[in-house]
C-alpha atoms as a PDB file:
ATOM      1  CA  MET A   1      25.398 -80.093  -2.222  1.00  0.00           C
ATOM      2  CA  THR A   2      27.341 -77.297  -0.604  1.00  0.00           C
ATOM      3  CA  ASN A   3      28.219 -75.775  -3.976  1.00  0.00           C
ATOM      4  CA  LEU A   4      24.591 -75.858  -5.078  1.00  0.00           C
ATOM      5  CA  LEU A   5      23.521 -74.090  -1.909  1.00  0.00           C
ATOM      6  CA  LEU A   6      26.189 -71.445  -2.349  1.00  0.00           C
ATOM      7  CA  ASN A   7      25.121 -70.861  -5.967  1.00  0.00           C
ATOM      8  CA  LEU A   8      21.512 -70.440  -4.896  1.00  0.00           C
ATOM      9  CA  LEU A   9      22.487 -67.989  -2.157  1.00  0.00           C
ATOM     10  CA  TRP A  10      24.692 -66.021  -4.551  1.00  0.00           C
ATOM     11  CA  ARG A  11      21.946 -65.804  -7.183  1.00  0.00           C
ATOM     12  CA  HIS A  12      19.462 -64.770  -4.524  1.00  0.00           C
ATOM     13  CA  SER A  13      21.850 -62.090  -3.256  1.00  0.00           C
ATOM     14  CA  VAL A  14      22.398 -60.751  -6.757  1.00  0.00           C
ATOM     15  CA  ALA A  15      18.650 -60.649  -7.391  1.00  0.00           C
ATOM     16  CA  MET A  16      18.047 -58.862  -4.085  1.00  0.00           C
ATOM     17  CA  TRP A  17      20.840 -56.372  -4.810  1.00  0.00           C
ATOM     18  CA  LEU A  18      19.397 -55.600  -8.268  1.00  0.00           C
ATOM     19  CA  LEU A  19      15.912 -55.240  -6.788  1.00  0.00           C
ATOM     20  CA  LEU A  20      17.208 -52.926  -4.060  1.00  0.00           C
ATOM     21  CA  GLN A  21      19.114 -50.849  -6.594  1.00  0.00           C
ATOM     22  CA  SER A  22      15.973 -50.522  -8.729  1.00  0.00           C
ATOM     23  CA  LEU A  23      13.929 -49.452  -5.733  1.00  0.00           C
ATOM     24  CA  VAL A  24      16.513 -46.803  -4.802  1.00  0.00           C
ATOM     25  CA  LEU A  25      16.568 -45.501  -8.366  1.00  0.00           C
ATOM     26  CA  ILE A  26      12.765 -45.372  -8.553  1.00  0.00           C
ATOM     27  CA  THR A  27      12.582 -43.622  -5.171  1.00  0.00           C
ATOM     28  CA  PHE A  28      15.194 -41.065  -6.230  1.00  0.00           C
ATOM     29  CA  CYS A  29      13.357 -40.356  -9.475  1.00  0.00           C
ATOM     30  CA  PHE A  30      10.043 -40.088  -7.650  1.00  0.00           C
ATOM     31  CA  ASN A  31      11.437 -37.716  -5.047  1.00  0.00           C
ATOM     32  CA  SER A  32      13.101 -35.593  -7.725  1.00  0.00           C
ATOM     33  CA  ALA A  33       9.836 -35.349  -9.601  1.00  0.00           C
ATOM     34  CA  THR A  34       7.841 -34.365  -6.525  1.00  0.00           C
ATOM     35  CA  THR A  35      10.306 -31.996  -4.832  1.00  0.00           C
ATOM     36  CA  CYS A  36      11.543 -30.331  -7.975  1.00  0.00           C
ATOM     37  CA  PRO A  37       8.827 -30.268 -10.637  1.00  0.00           C
ATOM     38  CA  LYS A  38       9.423 -28.640 -13.966  1.00  0.00           C
ATOM     39  CA  LEU A  39       8.642 -24.948 -13.664  1.00  0.00           C
ATOM     40  CA  GLU A  40       7.931 -22.494 -16.419  1.00  0.00           C
ATOM     41  CA  SER A  41       9.970 -19.528 -15.155  1.00  0.00           C
ATOM     42  CA  CYS A  42      11.988 -20.919 -12.228  1.00  0.00           C
ATOM     43  CA  TYR A  43      14.314 -23.744 -11.323  1.00  0.00           C
ATOM     44  CA  CYS A  44      15.262 -25.726  -8.244  1.00  0.00           C
ATOM     45  CA  GLN A  45      18.506 -24.409  -6.845  1.00  0.00           C
ATOM     46  CA  ASP A  46      18.608 -26.976  -4.060  1.00  0.00           C
ATOM     47  CA  PRO A  47      15.980 -29.760  -4.064  1.00  0.00           C
ATOM     48  CA  ASP A  48      16.964 -30.992  -0.593  1.00  0.00           C
ATOM     49  CA  LYS A  49      16.459 -27.542   0.962  1.00  0.00           C
ATOM     50  CA  HIS A  50      13.462 -26.723  -1.271  1.00  0.00           C
ATOM     51  CA  ILE A  51      15.060 -23.575  -2.675  1.00  0.00           C
ATOM     52  CA  ILE A  52      13.372 -22.163  -5.784  1.00  0.00           C
ATOM     53  CA  ARG A  53      15.112 -19.453  -7.761  1.00  0.00           C
ATOM     54  CA  CYS A  54      13.279 -17.217 -10.238  1.00  0.00           C
ATOM     55  CA  SER A  55      15.895 -14.470 -10.421  1.00  0.00           C
ATOM     56  CA  ARG A  56      16.538 -12.425 -13.594  1.00  0.00           C
ATOM     57  CA  MET A  57      13.689 -14.053 -15.535  1.00  0.00           C
ATOM     58  CA  LYS A  58      12.060 -10.745 -16.597  1.00  0.00           C
ATOM     59  CA  LEU A  59       8.923 -11.747 -14.717  1.00  0.00           C
ATOM     60  CA  LYS A  60       6.086  -9.199 -14.739  1.00  0.00           C
ATOM     61  CA  GLU A  61       4.169 -10.870 -11.898  1.00  0.00           C
ATOM     62  CA  VAL A  62       4.553 -13.471  -9.173  1.00  0.00           C
ATOM     63  CA  PRO A  63       4.508 -17.005 -10.729  1.00  0.00           C
ATOM     64  CA  LYS A  64       1.527 -19.187  -9.886  1.00  0.00           C
ATOM     65  CA  ASP A  65       3.269 -22.577 -10.190  1.00  0.00           C
ATOM     66  CA  ILE A  66       5.629 -22.371  -7.194  1.00  0.00           C
ATOM     67  CA  PRO A  67       5.700 -25.758  -5.347  1.00  0.00           C
ATOM     68  CA  ASN A  68       3.809 -25.739  -2.047  1.00  0.00           C
ATOM     69  CA  ASN A  69       6.785 -27.177  -0.129  1.00  0.00           C
ATOM     70  CA  THR A  70       9.118 -24.314  -1.125  1.00  0.00           C
ATOM     71  CA  ARG A  71      11.085 -22.936   1.827  1.00  0.00           C
ATOM     72  CA  VAL A  72      13.218 -20.283   0.122  1.00  0.00           C
ATOM     73  CA  LEU A  73      11.974 -18.308  -2.888  1.00  0.00           C
ATOM     74  CA  PHE A  74      14.059 -15.861  -4.916  1.00  0.00           C
ATOM     75  CA  LEU A  75      12.075 -13.465  -7.105  1.00  0.00           C
ATOM     76  CA  ASP A  76      14.734 -10.759  -7.185  1.00  0.00           C
ATOM     77  CA  TYR A  77      15.925  -8.809 -10.250  1.00  0.00           C
ATOM     78  CA  ASN A  78      12.685  -9.057 -12.194  1.00  0.00           C
ATOM     79  CA  GLU A  79      10.102  -6.552 -13.458  1.00  0.00           C
ATOM     80  CA  ILE A  80       7.305  -7.241 -10.977  1.00  0.00           C
ATOM     81  CA  THR A  81       5.283  -4.048 -10.369  1.00  0.00           C
ATOM     82  CA  SER A  82       2.797  -5.161  -7.713  1.00  0.00           C
ATOM     83  CA  VAL A  83       2.017  -8.013  -5.344  1.00  0.00           C
ATOM     84  CA  PRO A  84      -1.706  -8.930  -5.341  1.00  0.00           C
ATOM     85  CA  ASN A  85      -3.741 -10.409  -2.524  1.00  0.00           C
ATOM     86  CA  ASP A  86      -2.971 -14.067  -1.708  1.00  0.00           C
ATOM     87  CA  ALA A  87       0.061 -14.209  -4.018  1.00  0.00           C
ATOM     88  CA  PHE A  88       1.745 -16.716  -1.641  1.00  0.00           C
ATOM     89  CA  LYS A  89      -1.262 -18.132   0.223  1.00  0.00           C
ATOM     90  CA  ASP A  90      -0.392 -21.801  -0.488  1.00  0.00           C
ATOM     91  CA  LEU A  91       3.296 -21.555   0.487  1.00  0.00           C
ATOM     92  CA  HIS A  92       2.824 -22.438   4.153  1.00  0.00           C
ATOM     93  CA  HIS A  93       6.430 -23.657   4.546  1.00  0.00           C
ATOM     94  CA  LEU A  94       8.065 -20.543   3.096  1.00  0.00           C
ATOM     95  CA  VAL A  95      10.793 -19.237   5.389  1.00  0.00           C
ATOM     96  CA  GLU A  96      12.578 -16.685   3.194  1.00  0.00           C
ATOM     97  CA  LEU A  97      11.130 -14.507   0.422  1.00  0.00           C
ATOM     98  CA  ASN A  98      13.305 -12.222  -1.688  1.00  0.00           C
ATOM     99  CA  LEU A  99      11.445  -9.610  -3.770  1.00  0.00           C
ATOM    100  CA  SER A 100      14.298  -7.114  -3.971  1.00  0.00           C
ATOM    101  CA  ASN A 101      15.378  -5.255  -7.113  1.00  0.00           C
ATOM    102  CA  ASN A 102      12.003  -5.202  -8.836  1.00  0.00           C
ATOM    103  CA  LEU A 103       9.645  -2.394  -9.830  1.00  0.00           C
ATOM    104  CA  ILE A 104       7.139  -2.960  -7.047  1.00  0.00           C
ATOM    105  CA  HIS A 105       5.147   0.157  -6.257  1.00  0.00           C
ATOM    106  CA  LYS A 106       2.038  -1.444  -4.768  1.00  0.00           C
ATOM    107  CA  LEU A 107       1.414  -4.101  -2.131  1.00  0.00           C
ATOM    108  CA  GLU A 108      -2.192  -5.198  -1.695  1.00  0.00           C
ATOM    109  CA  THR A 109      -3.463  -5.410   1.891  1.00  0.00           C
ATOM    110  CA  HIS A 110      -3.374  -9.243   1.929  1.00  0.00           C
ATOM    111  CA  ALA A 111      -0.323  -9.689  -0.306  1.00  0.00           C
ATOM    112  CA  PHE A 112       1.453 -11.894   2.256  1.00  0.00           C
ATOM    113  CA  ARG A 113      -1.542 -13.727   3.678  1.00  0.00           C
ATOM    114  CA  GLY A 114      -0.665 -17.333   4.493  1.00  0.00           C
ATOM    115  CA  LEU A 115       2.920 -16.519   5.523  1.00  0.00           C
ATOM    116  CA  ASN A 116       2.135 -15.258   9.017  1.00  0.00           C
ATOM    117  CA  GLU A 117       3.663 -18.140  10.936  1.00  0.00           C
ATOM    118  CA  SER A 118       6.398 -19.469   8.666  1.00  0.00           C
ATOM    119  CA  LEU A 119       8.131 -16.440   7.113  1.00  0.00           C
ATOM    120  CA  THR A 120      11.244 -15.182   8.919  1.00  0.00           C
ATOM    121  CA  VAL A 121      12.948 -13.078   6.220  1.00  0.00           C
ATOM    122  CA  LEU A 122      11.315 -10.710   3.725  1.00  0.00           C
ATOM    123  CA  SER A 123      13.326  -8.452   1.415  1.00  0.00           C
ATOM    124  CA  LEU A 124      11.639  -5.590  -0.452  1.00  0.00           C
ATOM    125  CA  SER A 125      14.684  -3.384  -0.940  1.00  0.00           C
ATOM    126  CA  ASN A 126      15.427  -1.589  -4.206  1.00  0.00           C
ATOM    127  CA  ASN A 127      11.861  -1.256  -5.421  1.00  0.00           C
ATOM    128  CA  LYS A 128       9.500   1.661  -6.160  1.00  0.00           C
ATOM    129  CA  LEU A 129       7.545   1.726  -2.916  1.00  0.00           C
ATOM    130  CA  GLN A 130       6.407   5.185  -1.810  1.00  0.00           C
ATOM    131  CA  THR A 131       3.768   4.248   0.732  1.00  0.00           C
ATOM    132  CA  VAL A 132       2.452   1.035   2.284  1.00  0.00           C
ATOM    133  CA  LYS A 133      -0.446   0.562   4.675  1.00  0.00           C
ATOM    134  CA  GLY A 134       0.508  -0.932   8.010  1.00  0.00           C
ATOM    135  CA  GLU A 135      -2.054  -3.719   7.585  1.00  0.00           C
ATOM    136  CA  VAL A 136       0.158  -5.289   4.902  1.00  0.00           C
ATOM    137  CA  PHE A 137       2.753  -6.382   7.480  1.00  0.00           C
ATOM    138  CA  ASN A 138       0.857  -6.375  10.767  1.00  0.00           C
ATOM    139  CA  LYS A 139       0.587 -10.183  11.116  1.00  0.00           C
ATOM    140  CA  LEU A 140       4.040 -11.081   9.831  1.00  0.00           C
ATOM    141  CA  LYS A 141       6.816 -12.136  12.194  1.00  0.00           C
ATOM    142  CA  ALA A 142       9.570 -11.758   9.605  1.00  0.00           C
ATOM    143  CA  ASP A 143      12.612  -9.505   9.561  1.00  0.00           C
ATOM    144  CA  ILE A 144      11.755  -7.014   6.823  1.00  0.00           C
ATOM    145  CA  THR A 145      14.154  -5.037   4.640  1.00  0.00           C
ATOM    146  CA  LEU A 146      12.713  -1.875   3.068  1.00  0.00           C
ATOM    147  CA  SER A 147      15.798   0.094   2.054  1.00  0.00           C
ATOM    148  CA  ASN A 148      16.322   1.964  -1.231  1.00  0.00           C
ATOM    149  CA  ASN A 149      12.713   2.766  -1.987  1.00  0.00           C
ATOM    150  CA  PRO A 150      11.425   6.281  -2.843  1.00  0.00           C
ATOM    151  CA  TRP A 151       9.515   6.633   0.423  1.00  0.00           C
ATOM    152  CA  LEU A 152       7.022   9.423   1.073  1.00  0.00           C
ATOM    153  CA  CYS A 153       7.528  10.341   4.720  1.00  0.00           C
ATOM    154  CA  ASP A 154       4.059  11.108   6.007  1.00  0.00           C
ATOM    155  CA  CYS A 155       1.472   9.879   8.495  1.00  0.00           C
ATOM    156  CA  THR A 156       0.858   6.631   6.544  1.00  0.00           C
ATOM    157  CA  LEU A 157       4.534   5.656   6.686  1.00  0.00           C
ATOM    158  CA  GLN A 158       4.702   6.597  10.354  1.00  0.00           C
ATOM    159  CA  ASN A 159       1.757   4.324  11.155  1.00  0.00           C
ATOM    160  CA  MET A 160       3.330   1.509   9.129  1.00  0.00           C
ATOM    161  CA  ILE A 161       6.571   1.757  11.108  1.00  0.00           C
ATOM    162  CA  LYS A 162       4.557   1.586  14.337  1.00  0.00           C
ATOM    163  CA  GLU A 163       2.951  -1.645  13.105  1.00  0.00           C
ATOM    164  CA  LEU A 164       6.456  -3.032  12.571  1.00  0.00           C
ATOM    165  CA  SER A 165       7.776  -1.938  15.943  1.00  0.00           C
ATOM    166  CA  VAL A 166       8.052  -5.527  17.220  1.00  0.00           C
ATOM    167  CA  LYS A 167       9.931  -6.684  14.144  1.00  0.00           C
ATOM    168  CA  THR A 168      13.527  -6.160  13.083  1.00  0.00           C
ATOM    169  CA  VAL A 169      13.274  -3.444  10.480  1.00  0.00           C
ATOM    170  CA  ALA A 170      16.217  -1.423   9.224  1.00  0.00           C
ATOM    171  CA  SER A 171      14.344   1.839   9.705  1.00  0.00           C
ATOM    172  CA  ASN A 172      17.540   3.853   9.351  1.00  0.00           C
ATOM    173  CA  ASP A 173      17.673   2.681   5.738  1.00  0.00           C
ATOM    174  CA  ILE A 174      14.248   4.214   5.030  1.00  0.00           C
ATOM    175  CA  ILE A 175      15.168   7.530   3.419  1.00  0.00           C
ATOM    176  CA  CYS A 176      12.603  10.236   2.658  1.00  0.00           C
ATOM    177  CA  ALA A 177      12.539  10.733  -1.117  1.00  0.00           C
ATOM    178  CA  SER A 178       9.665  13.148  -0.456  1.00  0.00           C
ATOM    179  CA  ALA A 179       8.040  14.346   2.744  1.00  0.00           C
ATOM    180  CA  ALA A 180       5.112  16.239   4.179  1.00  0.00           C
ATOM    181  CA  GLN A 181       7.712  18.893   5.066  1.00  0.00           C
ATOM    182  CA  GLU A 182      10.413  19.560   2.466  1.00  0.00           C
ATOM    183  CA  GLU A 183      13.130  20.007   5.096  1.00  0.00           C
ATOM    184  CA  PHE A 184      13.145  16.236   5.703  1.00  0.00           C
ATOM    185  CA  VAL A 185      13.687  15.213   2.061  1.00  0.00           C
ATOM    186  CA  GLY A 186      16.842  13.090   1.762  1.00  0.00           C
ATOM    187  CA  LYS A 187      16.983  12.330   5.492  1.00  0.00           C
ATOM    188  CA  PRO A 188      16.364   9.012   7.293  1.00  0.00           C
ATOM    189  CA  PHE A 189      12.792   8.578   8.422  1.00  0.00           C
ATOM    190  CA  LEU A 190      13.745   7.955  12.053  1.00  0.00           C
ATOM    191  CA  GLU A 191      15.696  11.215  12.167  1.00  0.00           C
ATOM    192  CA  ALA A 192      12.673  13.084  10.831  1.00  0.00           C
ATOM    193  CA  ALA A 193      10.277  11.249  13.158  1.00  0.00           C
ATOM    194  CA  HIS A 194      12.310  12.339  16.189  1.00  0.00           C
ATOM    195  CA  LYS A 195      11.718  15.972  15.226  1.00  0.00           C
ATOM    196  CA  VAL A 196       8.115  15.953  14.074  1.00  0.00           C
ATOM    197  CA  ASN A 197       4.961  13.867  14.304  1.00  0.00           C
ATOM    198  CA  PHE A 198       3.783  13.527  10.705  1.00  0.00           C
ATOM    199  CA  CYS A 199       0.278  12.595  11.812  1.00  0.00           C
ATOM    200  CA  ASN A 200       0.039  15.851  13.766  1.00  0.00           C
ATOM    201  CA  ILE A 201       1.129  17.736  10.658  1.00  0.00           C
ATOM    202  CA  HIS A 202      -1.667  16.047   8.755  1.00  0.00           C
ATOM    203  CA  LYS A 203      -4.151  16.893  11.519  1.00  0.00           C
ATOM    204  CA  LYS A 204      -3.027  20.515  11.633  1.00  0.00           C
ATOM    205  CA  THR A 205      -3.285  20.779   7.856  1.00  0.00           C
ATOM    206  CA  THR A 206      -6.808  19.366   8.010  1.00  0.00           C
ATOM    207  CA  ASP A 207      -7.744  21.753  10.815  1.00  0.00           C
ATOM    208  CA  VAL A 208      -6.402  24.732   8.866  1.00  0.00           C
ATOM    209  CA  ALA A 209      -8.330  23.649   5.792  1.00  0.00           C
ATOM    210  CA  MET A 210     -11.515  23.366   7.843  1.00  0.00           C
ATOM    211  CA  LEU A 211     -10.935  26.802   9.382  1.00  0.00           C
ATOM    212  CA  VAL A 212     -10.330  28.346   5.964  1.00  0.00           C
ATOM    213  CA  THR A 213     -13.504  26.720   4.632  1.00  0.00           C
ATOM    214  CA  MET A 214     -15.548  27.890   7.607  1.00  0.00           C
ATOM    215  CA  PHE A 215     -14.133  31.404   7.298  1.00  0.00           C
ATOM    216  CA  GLY A 216     -15.044  31.417   3.602  1.00  0.00           C
ATOM    217  CA  TRP A 217     -18.627  30.407   4.338  1.00  0.00           C
ATOM    218  CA  PHE A 218     -18.844  32.926   7.171  1.00  0.00           C
ATOM    219  CA  THR A 219     -17.570  35.685   4.869  1.00  0.00           C
ATOM    220  CA  MET A 220     -20.123  34.758   2.216  1.00  0.00           C
ATOM    221  CA  VAL A 221     -22.975  34.822   4.757  1.00  0.00           C
ATOM    222  CA  ILE A 222     -21.909  38.209   6.168  1.00  0.00           C
ATOM    223  CA  SER A 223     -21.519  39.634   2.663  1.00  0.00           C
ATOM    224  CA  TYR A 224     -25.008  38.453   1.736  1.00  0.00           C
ATOM    225  CA  LEU A 225     -26.500  39.921   4.924  1.00  0.00           C
ATOM    226  CA  VAL A 226     -24.792  43.287   4.292  1.00  0.00           C
ATOM    227  CA  TYR A 227     -26.005  43.271   0.702  1.00  0.00           C
ATOM    228  CA  TYR A 228     -29.531  42.333   1.839  1.00  0.00           C
ATOM    229  CA  VAL A 229     -29.652  45.080   4.480  1.00  0.00           C
ATOM    230  CA  ARG A 230     -28.322  47.719   2.091  1.00  0.00           C
ATOM    231  CA  GLN A 231     -30.758  46.659  -0.597  1.00  0.00           C
ATOM    232  CA  ASN A 232     -33.656  46.883   1.849  1.00  0.00           C
ATOM    233  CA  GLN A 233     -32.437  50.261   3.043  1.00  0.00           C
ATOM    234  CA  GLU A 234     -32.344  51.530  -0.538  1.00  0.00           C
ATOM    235  CA  ASP A 235     -35.841  50.200  -1.215  1.00  0.00           C
ATOM    236  CA  ALA A 236     -37.090  51.742   2.019  1.00  0.00           C
ATOM    237  CA  ARG A 237     -35.550  55.105   1.132  1.00  0.00           C
ATOM    238  CA  ARG A 238     -37.170  55.098  -2.285  1.00  0.00           C
ATOM    239  CA  HIS A 239     -40.506  54.122  -0.825  1.00  0.00           C
ATOM    240  CA  LEU A 240     -40.237  56.900   1.763  1.00  0.00           C
ATOM    241  CA  GLU A 241     -39.445  59.452  -0.902  1.00  0.00           C
ATOM    242  CA  TYR A 242     -42.439  58.240  -2.850  1.00  0.00           C
ATOM    243  CA  LEU A 243     -44.689  58.645   0.184  1.00  0.00           C
ATOM    244  CA  LYS A 244     -43.344  62.124   0.829  1.00  0.00           C
ATOM    245  CA  SER A 245     -44.171  63.121  -2.718  1.00  0.00           C
ATOM    246  CA  LEU A 246     -47.816  62.055  -2.471  1.00  0.00           C
ATOM    247  CA  PRO A 247     -49.230  65.071  -0.450  1.00  0.00           C
ATOM    248  CA  SER A 248     -47.747  67.664  -2.788  1.00  0.00           C
ATOM    249  CA  LYS A 249     -49.351  66.017  -5.784  1.00  0.00           C
ATOM    250  CA  GLN A 250     -52.695  65.834  -3.968  1.00  0.00           C
ATOM    251  CA  SER A 251     -52.540  69.578  -3.077  1.00  0.00           C
ATOM    252  CA  LYS A 252     -51.878  70.492  -6.677  1.00  0.00           C
ATOM    253  CA  SER A 253     -54.790  68.370  -7.711  1.00  0.00           C
ATOM    254  CA  GLU A 254     -57.109  70.081  -5.197  1.00  0.00           C
ATOM    255  CA  ALA A 255     -55.896  73.542  -6.283  1.00  0.00           C
ATOM    256  CA  SER A 256     -56.584  72.730  -9.895  1.00  0.00           C
ATOM    257  CA  SER A 257     -60.050  71.528  -8.964  1.00  0.00           C
ATOM    258  CA  THR A 258     -60.755  74.748  -7.063  1.00  0.00           C
ATOM    259  CA  ILE A 259     -59.676  76.953  -9.973  1.00  0.00           C
ATOM    260  CA  SER A 260     -61.876  74.998 -12.305  1.00  0.00           C
ATOM    261  CA  THR A 261     -64.838  75.500 -10.033  1.00  0.00           C
ATOM    262  CA  VAL A 262     -64.245  79.270  -9.827  1.00  0.00           C
ATOM    263  CA  VAL A 263     -64.013  79.572 -13.550  1.00  0.00           C
END
């Protein structure tokens, strides 16, 4: 009786162990399928940490099939030229985004919408950015890297840096590839900004342009008035000469009439 009971317990234990093993295997497969789906241009570097890597894939644009639970996304060393509005709007858990070493020259105003609360690190270094509106970053709380871009140091860049004043930005790495004043080309933006207010330069340039335009119009009006007065003077002179000539012609006419009468 004891042996029969032991056999039943052993068989039951084996069955339970096999069932448990099957459940673990099914759960593992299910989790692998959900956390790391098959992607067209990327792969899961670390399923447990939700790291997706799309590096060196010759991508021309941001992929649209990134899993929503992604926390770290590498899009570096590709051929992406711009980031459109809402490119990452469904990635609400994204903590780190690497877009470095691309050909990005344009960031739409709402390129990073949806990442306002989660994103802590954003890398845009080694791209083709010349100018970016401050609105692109104004709601982000991330540390942003902007080094090694061909920046145009002007009022737009100055306003963008002001928008990022509460964030950790390596502003010293922002070098002026071109500038509103040529003397600042090749120098760090912060060094240039300490010496000149680029927005004032823009305002002064606008004021000078307006003054030149107004002076041009004023000159044209004065020239027309001078021409008009001179033309009227000339017409008046001719008319006066004509009037002066009238009496002499009338006298000759009367003299001729008198001679005719005598004859």
